[in-house]
PDB file of N, CA and C in Angstrom:
ATOM      1  N   MET A   1      98.330 142.927 118.456  1.00  0.00           N
ATOM      2  CA  MET A   1      99.384 141.986 118.743  1.00  0.00           C
ATOM      3  C   MET A   1      99.202 140.787 117.822  1.00  0.00           C
ATOM      4  N   TYR A   2     100.285 140.284 117.318  1.00  0.00           N
ATOM      5  CA  TYR A   2     100.258 139.172 116.389  1.00  0.00           C
ATOM      6  C   TYR A   2     100.838 137.922 117.033  1.00  0.00           C
ATOM      7  N   HIS A   3     100.165 136.787 116.849  1.00  0.00           N
ATOM      8  CA  HIS A   3     100.662 135.501 117.341  1.00  0.00           C
ATOM      9  C   HIS A   3     100.102 134.398 116.461  1.00  0.00           C
ATOM     10  N   LYS A   4     100.999 133.624 115.861  1.00  0.00           N
ATOM     11  CA  LYS A   4     100.618 132.553 114.935  1.00  0.00           C
ATOM     12  C   LYS A   4      99.670 133.127 113.893  1.00  0.00           C
ATOM     13  N   ASN A   5      98.433 132.629 113.802  1.00  0.00           N
ATOM     14  CA  ASN A   5      97.501 133.199 112.823  1.00  0.00           C
ATOM     15  C   ASN A   5      96.432 134.071 113.492  1.00  0.00           C
ATOM     16  N   PHE A   6      96.718 134.544 114.697  1.00  0.00           N
ATOM     17  CA  PHE A   6      95.787 135.383 115.468  1.00  0.00           C
ATOM     18  C   PHE A   6      96.229 136.841 115.464  1.00  0.00           C
ATOM     19  N   ILE A   7      95.252 137.708 115.526  1.00  0.00           N
ATOM     20  CA  ILE A   7      95.497 139.117 115.819  1.00  0.00           C
ATOM     21  C   ILE A   7      94.656 139.456 117.033  1.00  0.00           C
ATOM     22  N   GLU A   8      95.312 139.910 118.069  1.00  0.00           N
ATOM     23  CA  GLU A   8      94.629 140.338 119.287  1.00  0.00           C
ATOM     24  C   GLU A   8      94.426 141.837 119.159  1.00  0.00           C
ATOM     25  N   TYR A   9      93.192 142.259 119.130  1.00  0.00           N
ATOM     26  CA  TYR A   9      92.844 143.650 118.845  1.00  0.00           C
ATOM     27  C   TYR A   9      92.326 144.344 120.092  1.00  0.00           C
ATOM     28  N   PHE A  10      92.784 145.549 120.305  1.00  0.00           N
ATOM     29  CA  PHE A  10      92.284 146.390 121.388  1.00  0.00           C
ATOM     30  C   PHE A  10      91.516 147.535 120.770  1.00  0.00           C
ATOM     31  N   ILE A  11      90.247 147.651 121.120  1.00  0.00           N
ATOM     32  CA  ILE A  11      89.401 148.688 120.527  1.00  0.00           C
ATOM     33  C   ILE A  11      89.711 150.029 121.174  1.00  0.00           C
ATOM     34  N   PRO A  12      90.065 151.008 120.360  1.00  0.00           N
ATOM     35  CA  PRO A  12      90.312 152.338 120.914  1.00  0.00           C
ATOM     36  C   PRO A  12      89.005 153.051 121.222  1.00  0.00           C
ATOM     37  N   ALA A  13      89.101 154.067 122.006  1.00  0.00           N
ATOM     38  CA  ALA A  13      87.924 154.892 122.303  1.00  0.00           C
ATOM     39  C   ALA A  13      87.729 155.901 121.180  1.00  0.00           C
ATOM     40  N   ILE A  14      86.514 156.328 121.001  1.00  0.00           N
ATOM     41  CA  ILE A  14      86.218 157.337 119.987  1.00  0.00           C
ATOM     42  C   ILE A  14      85.229 158.326 120.588  1.00  0.00           C
ATOM     43  N   LYS A  15      85.447 159.581 120.303  1.00  0.00           N
ATOM     44  CA  LYS A  15      84.544 160.613 120.819  1.00  0.00           C
ATOM     45  C   LYS A  15      83.210 160.530 120.088  1.00  0.00           C
ATOM     46  N   GLU A  16      82.152 160.737 120.850  1.00  0.00           N
ATOM     47  CA  GLU A  16      80.783 160.645 120.322  1.00  0.00           C
ATOM     48  C   GLU A  16      80.588 161.491 119.067  1.00  0.00           C
ATOM     49  N   GLU A  17      81.101 162.716 119.068  1.00  0.00           N
ATOM     50  CA  GLU A  17      80.843 163.620 117.940  1.00  0.00           C
ATOM     51  C   GLU A  17      81.539 163.196 116.644  1.00  0.00           C
ATOM     52  N   TYR A  18      82.517 162.270 116.732  1.00  0.00           N
ATOM     53  CA  TYR A  18      83.209 161.810 115.526  1.00  0.00           C
ATOM     54  C   TYR A  18      82.737 160.428 115.062  1.00  0.00           C
ATOM     55  N   ARG A  19      81.820 159.845 115.792  1.00  0.00           N
ATOM     56  CA  ARG A  19      81.367 158.496 115.463  1.00  0.00           C
ATOM     57  C   ARG A  19      80.759 158.425 114.060  1.00  0.00           C
ATOM     58  N   ASN A  20      80.111 159.486 113.625  1.00  0.00           N
ATOM     59  CA  ASN A  20      79.443 159.462 112.314  1.00  0.00           C
ATOM     60  C   ASN A  20      80.425 159.506 111.141  1.00  0.00           C
ATOM     61  N   THR A  21      81.698 159.810 111.378  1.00  0.00           N
ATOM     62  CA  THR A  21      82.663 159.853 110.273  1.00  0.00           C
ATOM     63  C   THR A  21      83.103 158.461 109.843  1.00  0.00           C
ATOM     64  N   GLN A  22      82.939 157.477 110.710  1.00  0.00           N
ATOM     65  CA  GLN A  22      83.293 156.090 110.435  1.00  0.00           C
ATOM     66  C   GLN A  22      84.774 155.896 110.087  1.00  0.00           C
ATOM     67  N   VAL A  23      85.623 156.793 110.556  1.00  0.00           N
ATOM     68  CA  VAL A  23      87.055 156.649 110.326  1.00  0.00           C
ATOM     69  C   VAL A  23      87.574 155.362 110.962  1.00  0.00           C
ATOM     70  N   LEU A  24      87.096 155.050 112.145  1.00  0.00           N
ATOM     71  CA  LEU A  24      87.553 153.852 112.840  1.00  0.00           C
ATOM     72  C   LEU A  24      87.234 152.595 112.025  1.00  0.00           C
ATOM     73  N   SER A  25      86.053 152.527 111.455  1.00  0.00           N
ATOM     74  CA  SER A  25      85.681 151.366 110.643  1.00  0.00           C
ATOM     75  C   SER A  25      86.600 151.223 109.430  1.00  0.00           C
ATOM     76  N   TYR A  26      86.940 152.327 108.826  1.00  0.00           N
ATOM     77  CA  TYR A  26      87.840 152.313 107.666  1.00  0.00           C
ATOM     78  C   TYR A  26      89.224 151.790 108.064  1.00  0.00           C
ATOM     79  N   ILE A  27      89.733 152.258 109.192  1.00  0.00           N
ATOM     80  CA  ILE A  27      91.045 151.810 109.670  1.00  0.00           C
ATOM     81  C   ILE A  27      91.017 150.317 109.986  1.00  0.00           C
ATOM     82  N   ILE A  28      89.974 149.860 110.670  1.00  0.00           N
ATOM     83  CA  ILE A  28      89.849 148.438 111.014  1.00  0.00           C
ATOM     84  C   ILE A  28      89.808 147.589 109.752  1.00  0.00           C
ATOM     85  N   TYR A  29      89.008 148.009 108.781  1.00  0.00           N
ATOM     86  CA  TYR A  29      88.894 147.250 107.539  1.00  0.00           C
ATOM     87  C   TYR A  29      90.257 147.120 106.851  1.00  0.00           C
ATOM     88  N   ASN A  30      90.975 148.215 106.757  1.00  0.00           N
ATOM     89  CA  ASN A  30      92.285 148.175 106.110  1.00  0.00           C
ATOM     90  C   ASN A  30      93.272 147.291 106.871  1.00  0.00           C
ATOM     91  N   CYS A  31      93.231 147.337 108.198  1.00  0.00           N
ATOM     92  CA  CYS A  31      94.097 146.474 109.004  1.00  0.00           C
ATOM     93  C   CYS A  31      93.752 145.004 108.793  1.00  0.00           C
ATOM     94  N   MET A  32      92.463 144.699 108.739  1.00  0.00           N
ATOM     95  CA  MET A  32      92.034 143.318 108.508  1.00  0.00           C
ATOM     96  C   MET A  32      92.485 142.827 107.140  1.00  0.00           C
ATOM     97  N   GLU A  33      92.332 143.668 106.149  1.00  0.00           N
ATOM     98  CA  GLU A  33      92.720 143.299 104.782  1.00  0.00           C
ATOM     99  C   GLU A  33      94.231 143.029 104.700  1.00  0.00           C
ATOM    100  N   GLU A  34      95.017 143.904 105.307  1.00  0.00           N
ATOM    101  CA  GLU A  34      96.464 143.726 105.316  1.00  0.00           C
ATOM    102  C   GLU A  34      96.869 142.468 106.090  1.00  0.00           C
ATOM    103  N   ALA A  35      96.232 142.239 107.222  1.00  0.00           N
ATOM    104  CA  ALA A  35      96.525 141.057 108.033  1.00  0.00           C
ATOM    105  C   ALA A  35      96.193 139.774 107.263  1.00  0.00           C
ATOM    106  N   TRP A  36      95.083 139.785 106.539  1.00  0.00           N
ATOM    107  CA  TRP A  36      94.693 138.611 105.751  1.00  0.00           C
ATOM    108  C   TRP A  36      95.759 138.295 104.695  1.00  0.00           C
ATOM    109  N   ARG A  37      96.254 139.344 104.022  1.00  0.00           N
ATOM    110  CA  ARG A  37      97.296 139.143 103.015  1.00  0.00           C
ATOM    111  C   ARG A  37      98.568 138.564 103.642  1.00  0.00           C
ATOM    112  N   LYS A  38      98.822 138.870 104.909  1.00  0.00           N
ATOM    113  CA  LYS A  38     100.020 138.370 105.606  1.00  0.00           C
ATOM    114  C   LYS A  38      99.805 136.989 106.212  1.00  0.00           C
ATOM    115  N   GLY A  39      98.596 136.431 106.098  1.00  0.00           N
ATOM    116  CA  GLY A  39      98.344 135.071 106.567  1.00  0.00           C
ATOM    117  C   GLY A  39      97.636 134.949 107.905  1.00  0.00           C
ATOM    118  N   TYR A  40      97.253 136.066 108.511  1.00  0.00           N
ATOM    119  CA  TYR A  40      96.511 136.008 109.774  1.00  0.00           C
ATOM    120  C   TYR A  40      95.049 135.716 109.465  1.00  0.00           C
ATOM    121  N   ARG A  41      94.468 134.766 110.195  1.00  0.00           N
ATOM    122  CA  ARG A  41      93.112 134.326 109.873  1.00  0.00           C
ATOM    123  C   ARG A  41      92.103 134.567 110.984  1.00  0.00           C
ATOM    124  N   ILE A  42      92.542 134.857 112.197  1.00  0.00           N
ATOM    125  CA  ILE A  42      91.604 135.049 113.317  1.00  0.00           C
ATOM    126  C   ILE A  42      91.834 136.426 113.914  1.00  0.00           C
ATOM    127  N   TRP A  43      90.794 137.209 113.912  1.00  0.00           N
ATOM    128  CA  TRP A  43      90.819 138.560 114.475  1.00  0.00           C
ATOM    129  C   TRP A  43      90.067 138.488 115.797  1.00  0.00           C
ATOM    130  N   ASN A  44      90.789 138.577 116.898  1.00  0.00           N
ATOM    131  CA  ASN A  44      90.167 138.488 118.213  1.00  0.00           C
ATOM    132  C   ASN A  44      89.805 139.880 118.711  1.00  0.00           C
ATOM    133  N   TRP A  45      88.514 140.134 118.815  1.00  0.00           N
ATOM    134  CA  TRP A  45      88.031 141.433 119.282  1.00  0.00           C
ATOM    135  C   TRP A  45      88.211 141.607 120.787  1.00  0.00           C
ATOM    136  N   GLY A  46      88.439 140.522 121.493  1.00  0.00           N
ATOM    137  CA  GLY A  46      88.561 140.618 122.944  1.00  0.00           C
ATOM    138  C   GLY A  46      87.191 140.581 123.606  1.00  0.00           C
ATOM    139  N   GLY A  47      87.211 140.660 124.901  1.00  0.00           N
ATOM    140  CA  GLY A  47      85.984 140.543 125.684  1.00  0.00           C
ATOM    141  C   GLY A  47      85.149 141.806 125.694  1.00  0.00           C
ATOM    142  N   THR A  48      83.856 141.622 125.827  1.00  0.00           N
ATOM    143  CA  THR A  48      82.909 142.724 125.920  1.00  0.00           C
ATOM    144  C   THR A  48      81.899 142.374 127.002  1.00  0.00           C
ATOM    145  N   HIS A  49      81.680 143.292 127.912  1.00  0.00           N
ATOM    146  CA  HIS A  49      80.668 143.068 128.942  1.00  0.00           C
ATOM    147  C   HIS A  49      79.288 143.080 128.298  1.00  0.00           C
ATOM    148  N   LEU A  50      78.379 142.298 128.831  1.00  0.00           N
ATOM    149  CA  LEU A  50      77.034 142.214 128.266  1.00  0.00           C
ATOM    150  C   LEU A  50      76.288 143.541 128.320  1.00  0.00           C
ATOM    151  N   GLU A  51      76.737 144.445 129.194  1.00  0.00           N
ATOM    152  CA  GLU A  51      76.090 145.762 129.296  1.00  0.00           C
ATOM    153  C   GLU A  51      76.541 146.701 128.176  1.00  0.00           C
ATOM    154  N   GLN A  52      77.593 146.372 127.457  1.00  0.00           N
ATOM    155  CA  GLN A  52      78.133 147.237 126.407  1.00  0.00           C
ATOM    156  C   GLN A  52      77.440 146.948 125.072  1.00  0.00           C
ATOM    157  N   LEU A  53      76.164 147.282 125.012  1.00  0.00           N
ATOM    158  CA  LEU A  53      75.354 146.931 123.847  1.00  0.00           C
ATOM    159  C   LEU A  53      75.833 147.606 122.565  1.00  0.00           C
ATOM    160  N   ILE A  54      76.234 148.862 122.645  1.00  0.00           N
ATOM    161  CA  ILE A  54      76.698 149.569 121.443  1.00  0.00           C
ATOM    162  C   ILE A  54      77.954 148.899 120.899  1.00  0.00           C
ATOM    163  N   LEU A  55      78.870 148.553 121.779  1.00  0.00           N
ATOM    164  CA  LEU A  55      80.096 147.876 121.365  1.00  0.00           C
ATOM    165  C   LEU A  55      79.786 146.492 120.791  1.00  0.00           C
ATOM    166  N   MET A  56      78.843 145.784 121.386  1.00  0.00           N
ATOM    167  CA  MET A  56      78.456 144.461 120.870  1.00  0.00           C
ATOM    168  C   MET A  56      77.858 144.581 119.464  1.00  0.00           C
ATOM    169  N   ARG A  57      77.034 145.617 119.238  1.00  0.00           N
ATOM    170  CA  ARG A  57      76.467 145.843 117.897  1.00  0.00           C
ATOM    171  C   ARG A  57      77.564 146.162 116.886  1.00  0.00           C
ATOM    172  N   PHE A  58      78.550 146.965 117.312  1.00  0.00           N
ATOM    173  CA  PHE A  58      79.658 147.308 116.426  1.00  0.00           C
ATOM    174  C   PHE A  58      80.405 146.053 115.997  1.00  0.00           C
ATOM    175  N   LYS A  59      80.721 145.190 116.935  1.00  0.00           N
ATOM    176  CA  LYS A  59      81.453 143.965 116.629  1.00  0.00           C
ATOM    177  C   LYS A  59      80.623 143.030 115.749  1.00  0.00           C
ATOM    178  N   LYS A  60      79.309 143.001 115.985  1.00  0.00           N
ATOM    179  CA  LYS A  60      78.425 142.130 115.203  1.00  0.00           C
ATOM    180  C   LYS A  60      78.431 142.514 113.722  1.00  0.00           C
ATOM    181  N   LYS A  61      78.617 143.792 113.426  1.00  0.00           N
ATOM    182  CA  LYS A  61      78.665 144.244 112.029  1.00  0.00           C
ATOM    183  C   LYS A  61      79.829 143.620 111.262  1.00  0.00           C
ATOM    184  N   TRP A  62      80.823 143.130 111.992  1.00  0.00           N
ATOM    185  CA  TRP A  62      81.989 142.528 111.359  1.00  0.00           C
ATOM    186  C   TRP A  62      81.855 141.001 111.305  1.00  0.00           C
ATOM    187  N   ALA A  63      80.660 140.492 111.509  1.00  0.00           N
ATOM    188  CA  ALA A  63      80.363 139.048 111.440  1.00  0.00           C
ATOM    189  C   ALA A  63      81.161 138.255 112.473  1.00  0.00           C
ATOM    190  N   ASN A  64      81.280 138.820 113.655  1.00  0.00           N
ATOM    191  CA  ASN A  64      82.010 138.107 114.713  1.00  0.00           C
ATOM    192  C   ASN A  64      81.171 136.980 115.292  1.00  0.00           C
ATOM    193  N   SER A  65      81.832 136.044 115.928  1.00  0.00           N
ATOM    194  CA  SER A  65      81.104 134.998 116.639  1.00  0.00           C
ATOM    195  C   SER A  65      81.305 135.242 118.136  1.00  0.00           C
ATOM    196  N   LEU A  66      80.251 135.124 118.880  1.00  0.00           N
ATOM    197  CA  LEU A  66      80.261 135.405 120.306  1.00  0.00           C
ATOM    198  C   LEU A  66      80.882 134.243 121.066  1.00  0.00           C
ATOM    199  N   SER A  67      81.858 134.547 121.906  1.00  0.00           N
ATOM    200  CA  SER A  67      82.498 133.561 122.761  1.00  0.00           C
ATOM    201  C   SER A  67      82.479 134.083 124.182  1.00  0.00           C
ATOM    202  N   TYR A  68      82.541 133.188 125.132  1.00  0.00           N
ATOM    203  CA  TYR A  68      82.572 133.592 126.528  1.00  0.00           C
ATOM    204  C   TYR A  68      83.989 133.485 127.057  1.00  0.00           C
ATOM    205  N   TYR A  69      84.402 134.489 127.794  1.00  0.00           N
ATOM    206  CA  TYR A  69      85.732 134.540 128.380  1.00  0.00           C
ATOM    207  C   TYR A  69      85.631 134.272 129.870  1.00  0.00           C
ATOM    208  N   TYR A  70      86.663 133.664 130.399  1.00  0.00           N
ATOM    209  CA  TYR A  70      86.768 133.456 131.831  1.00  0.00           C
ATOM    210  C   TYR A  70      88.119 133.996 132.263  1.00  0.00           C
ATOM    211  N   TYR A  71      88.121 134.812 133.285  1.00  0.00           N
ATOM    212  CA  TYR A  71      89.348 135.413 133.772  1.00  0.00           C
ATOM    213  C   TYR A  71      89.751 134.788 135.098  1.00  0.00           C
ATOM    214  N   ILE A  72      91.022 134.485 135.212  1.00  0.00           N
ATOM    215  CA  ILE A  72      91.566 133.952 136.453  1.00  0.00           C
ATOM    216  C   ILE A  72      92.600 134.951 136.946  1.00  0.00           C
ATOM    217  N   THR A  73      92.493 135.316 138.214  1.00  0.00           N
ATOM    218  CA  THR A  73      93.405 136.294 138.791  1.00  0.00           C
ATOM    219  C   THR A  73      94.176 135.651 139.930  1.00  0.00           C
ATOM    220  N   PHE A  74      95.476 135.814 139.892  1.00  0.00           N
ATOM    221  CA  PHE A  74      96.330 135.351 140.977  1.00  0.00           C
ATOM    222  C   PHE A  74      96.847 136.566 141.716  1.00  0.00           C
ATOM    223  N   PHE A  75      96.783 136.511 143.012  1.00  0.00           N
ATOM    224  CA  PHE A  75      97.242 137.642 143.816  1.00  0.00           C
ATOM    225  C   PHE A  75      97.925 137.100 145.062  1.00  0.00           C
ATOM    226  N   ASN A  76      99.133 137.547 145.319  1.00  0.00           N
ATOM    227  CA  ASN A  76      99.908 137.096 146.463  1.00  0.00           C
ATOM    228  C   ASN A  76      99.504 137.913 147.689  1.00  0.00           C
ATOM    229  N   LEU A  77      98.683 137.340 148.549  1.00  0.00           N
ATOM    230  CA  LEU A  77      98.214 138.061 149.738  1.00  0.00           C
ATOM    231  C   LEU A  77      99.358 138.414 150.695  1.00  0.00           C
ATOM    232  N   LYS A  78     100.458 137.665 150.640  1.00  0.00           N
ATOM    233  CA  LYS A  78     101.602 137.968 151.502  1.00  0.00           C
ATOM    234  C   LYS A  78     102.221 139.322 151.140  1.00  0.00           C
ATOM    235  N   LYS A  79     102.046 139.735 149.885  1.00  0.00           N
ATOM    236  CA  LYS A  79     102.601 141.006 149.424  1.00  0.00           C
ATOM    237  C   LYS A  79     101.588 142.149 149.523  1.00  0.00           C
ATOM    238  N   TYR A  80     100.407 141.857 150.009  1.00  0.00           N
ATOM    239  CA  TYR A  80      99.318 142.842 150.050  1.00  0.00           C
ATOM    240  C   TYR A  80      99.679 144.087 150.859  1.00  0.00           C
ATOM    241  N   GLU A  81     100.159 143.910 152.081  1.00  0.00           N
ATOM    242  CA  GLU A  81     100.507 145.064 152.915  1.00  0.00           C
ATOM    243  C   GLU A  81     101.665 145.864 152.316  1.00  0.00           C
ATOM    244  N   LEU A  82     102.612 145.164 151.725  1.00  0.00           N
ATOM    245  CA  LEU A  82     103.725 145.845 151.058  1.00  0.00           C
ATOM    246  C   LEU A  82     103.218 146.702 149.903  1.00  0.00           C
ATOM    247  N   LEU A  83     102.299 146.144 149.134  1.00  0.00           N
ATOM    248  CA  LEU A  83     101.707 146.894 148.026  1.00  0.00           C
ATOM    249  C   LEU A  83     100.974 148.133 148.529  1.00  0.00           C
ATOM    250  N   LEU A  84     100.175 147.968 149.574  1.00  0.00           N
ATOM    251  CA  LEU A  84      99.417 149.104 150.113  1.00  0.00           C
ATOM    252  C   LEU A  84     100.329 150.183 150.675  1.00  0.00           C
ATOM    253  N   SER A  85     101.411 149.784 151.309  1.00  0.00           N
ATOM    254  CA  SER A  85     102.309 150.782 151.905  1.00  0.00           C
ATOM    255  C   SER A  85     103.065 151.581 150.838  1.00  0.00           C
ATOM    256  N   ASN A  86     103.189 151.033 149.644  1.00  0.00           N
ATOM    257  CA  ASN A  86     103.887 151.713 148.546  1.00  0.00           C
ATOM    258  C   ASN A  86     102.944 152.005 147.377  1.00  0.00           C
ATOM    259  N   PHE A  87     101.662 152.092 147.667  1.00  0.00           N
ATOM    260  CA  PHE A  87     100.658 152.158 146.604  1.00  0.00           C
ATOM    261  C   PHE A  87     100.875 153.332 145.651  1.00  0.00           C
ATOM    262  N   LYS A  88     101.185 154.508 146.173  1.00  0.00           N
ATOM    263  CA  LYS A  88     101.381 155.686 145.308  1.00  0.00           C
ATOM    264  C   LYS A  88     102.556 155.486 144.352  1.00  0.00           C
ATOM    265  N   ASP A  89     103.622 154.885 144.834  1.00  0.00           N
ATOM    266  CA  ASP A  89     104.778 154.620 143.972  1.00  0.00           C
ATOM    267  C   ASP A  89     104.435 153.585 142.903  1.00  0.00           C
ATOM    268  N   VAL A  90     103.719 152.561 143.308  1.00  0.00           N
ATOM    269  CA  VAL A  90     103.324 151.509 142.365  1.00  0.00           C
ATOM    270  C   VAL A  90     102.443 152.085 141.269  1.00  0.00           C
ATOM    271  N   ILE A  91     101.498 152.936 141.634  1.00  0.00           N
ATOM    272  CA  ILE A  91     100.604 153.557 140.652  1.00  0.00           C
ATOM    273  C   ILE A  91     101.384 154.421 139.664  1.00  0.00           C
ATOM    274  N   LYS A  92     102.408 155.112 140.137  1.00  0.00           N
ATOM    275  CA  LYS A  92     103.235 155.928 139.238  1.00  0.00           C
ATOM    276  C   LYS A  92     103.935 155.060 138.197  1.00  0.00           C
ATOM    277  N   ILE A  93     104.435 153.927 138.636  1.00  0.00           N
ATOM    278  CA  ILE A  93     105.176 153.041 137.748  1.00  0.00           C
ATOM    279  C   ILE A  93     104.236 152.270 136.814  1.00  0.00           C
ATOM    280  N   PHE A  94     103.119 151.784 137.366  1.00  0.00           N
ATOM    281  CA  PHE A  94     102.202 150.933 136.608  1.00  0.00           C
ATOM    282  C   PHE A  94     100.870 151.633 136.370  1.00  0.00           C
ATOM    283  N   ASN A  95     100.927 152.860 135.972  1.00  0.00           N
ATOM    284  CA  ASN A  95      99.706 153.626 135.703  1.00  0.00           C
ATOM    285  C   ASN A  95      98.874 152.928 134.624  1.00  0.00           C
ATOM    286  N   PHE A  96      97.595 152.779 134.865  1.00  0.00           N
ATOM    287  CA  PHE A  96      96.630 152.154 133.956  1.00  0.00           C
ATOM    288  C   PHE A  96      96.766 150.631 133.880  1.00  0.00           C
ATOM    289  N   TYR A  97      97.526 150.021 134.789  1.00  0.00           N
ATOM    290  CA  TYR A  97      97.615 148.570 134.841  1.00  0.00           C
ATOM    291  C   TYR A  97      96.687 148.045 135.930  1.00  0.00           C
ATOM    292  N   TYR A  98      96.229 146.837 135.742  1.00  0.00           N
ATOM    293  CA  TYR A  98      95.408 146.142 136.735  1.00  0.00           C
ATOM    294  C   TYR A  98      96.369 145.440 137.683  1.00  0.00           C
ATOM    295  N   ILE A  99      96.557 145.995 138.875  1.00  0.00           N
ATOM    296  CA  ILE A  99      97.591 145.481 139.763  1.00  0.00           C
ATOM    297  C   ILE A  99      97.056 144.788 141.005  1.00  0.00           C
ATOM    298  N   ILE A 100      95.765 144.945 141.274  1.00  0.00           N
ATOM    299  CA  ILE A 100      95.199 144.369 142.496  1.00  0.00           C
ATOM    300  C   ILE A 100      93.728 144.037 142.236  1.00  0.00           C
ATOM    301  N   PRO A 101      93.267 142.863 142.653  1.00  0.00           N
ATOM    302  CA  PRO A 101      91.838 142.548 142.484  1.00  0.00           C
ATOM    303  C   PRO A 101      90.962 143.572 143.203  1.00  0.00           C
ATOM    304  N   TYR A 102      89.883 143.928 142.598  1.00  0.00           N
ATOM    305  CA  TYR A 102      89.000 144.956 143.157  1.00  0.00           C
ATOM    306  C   TYR A 102      88.529 144.640 144.577  1.00  0.00           C
ATOM    307  N   ARG A 103      88.335 143.384 144.866  1.00  0.00           N
ATOM    308  CA  ARG A 103      87.815 143.027 146.184  1.00  0.00           C
ATOM    309  C   ARG A 103      88.814 143.344 147.301  1.00  0.00           C
ATOM    310  N   TYR A 104      90.082 143.573 146.962  1.00  0.00           N
ATOM    311  CA  TYR A 104      91.078 143.897 147.980  1.00  0.00           C
ATOM    312  C   TYR A 104      91.345 145.395 148.106  1.00  0.00           C
ATOM    313  N   LEU A 105      90.708 146.187 147.290  1.00  0.00           N
ATOM    314  CA  LEU A 105      90.890 147.638 147.408  1.00  0.00           C
ATOM    315  C   LEU A 105      90.214 148.143 148.657  1.00  0.00           C
ATOM    316  N   LYS A 106      90.883 149.013 149.363  1.00  0.00           N
ATOM    317  CA  LYS A 106      90.290 149.628 150.551  1.00  0.00           C
ATOM    318  C   LYS A 106      89.637 150.932 150.127  1.00  0.00           C
ATOM    319  N   THR A 107      88.433 151.159 150.620  1.00  0.00           N
ATOM    320  CA  THR A 107      87.738 152.393 150.235  1.00  0.00           C
ATOM    321  C   THR A 107      87.883 153.451 151.303  1.00  0.00           C
TER     322      THR A 107
END
């Protein structure tokens, strides 16, 4: 995603057996080079959990600077029961979206 002089990057997944081909690194490099020519100066890798050591090492190879992120979540508790009663429909529509804080999930 592009905004002002920022590029917000989402790291795709890669299968373990293809990691040695370094295709992903080649694609990233070319995207960065093209973005630089277009005037974008900040490549935001996004957040990484401290437990994701392999991902942190990958990002470090690109001379990234470590920043801390803070997430704020707003959730309307008045709509909670409505959401739960229609949960299957909501999941169909918003598949793979973060729609409810984990602490409110019923197990």
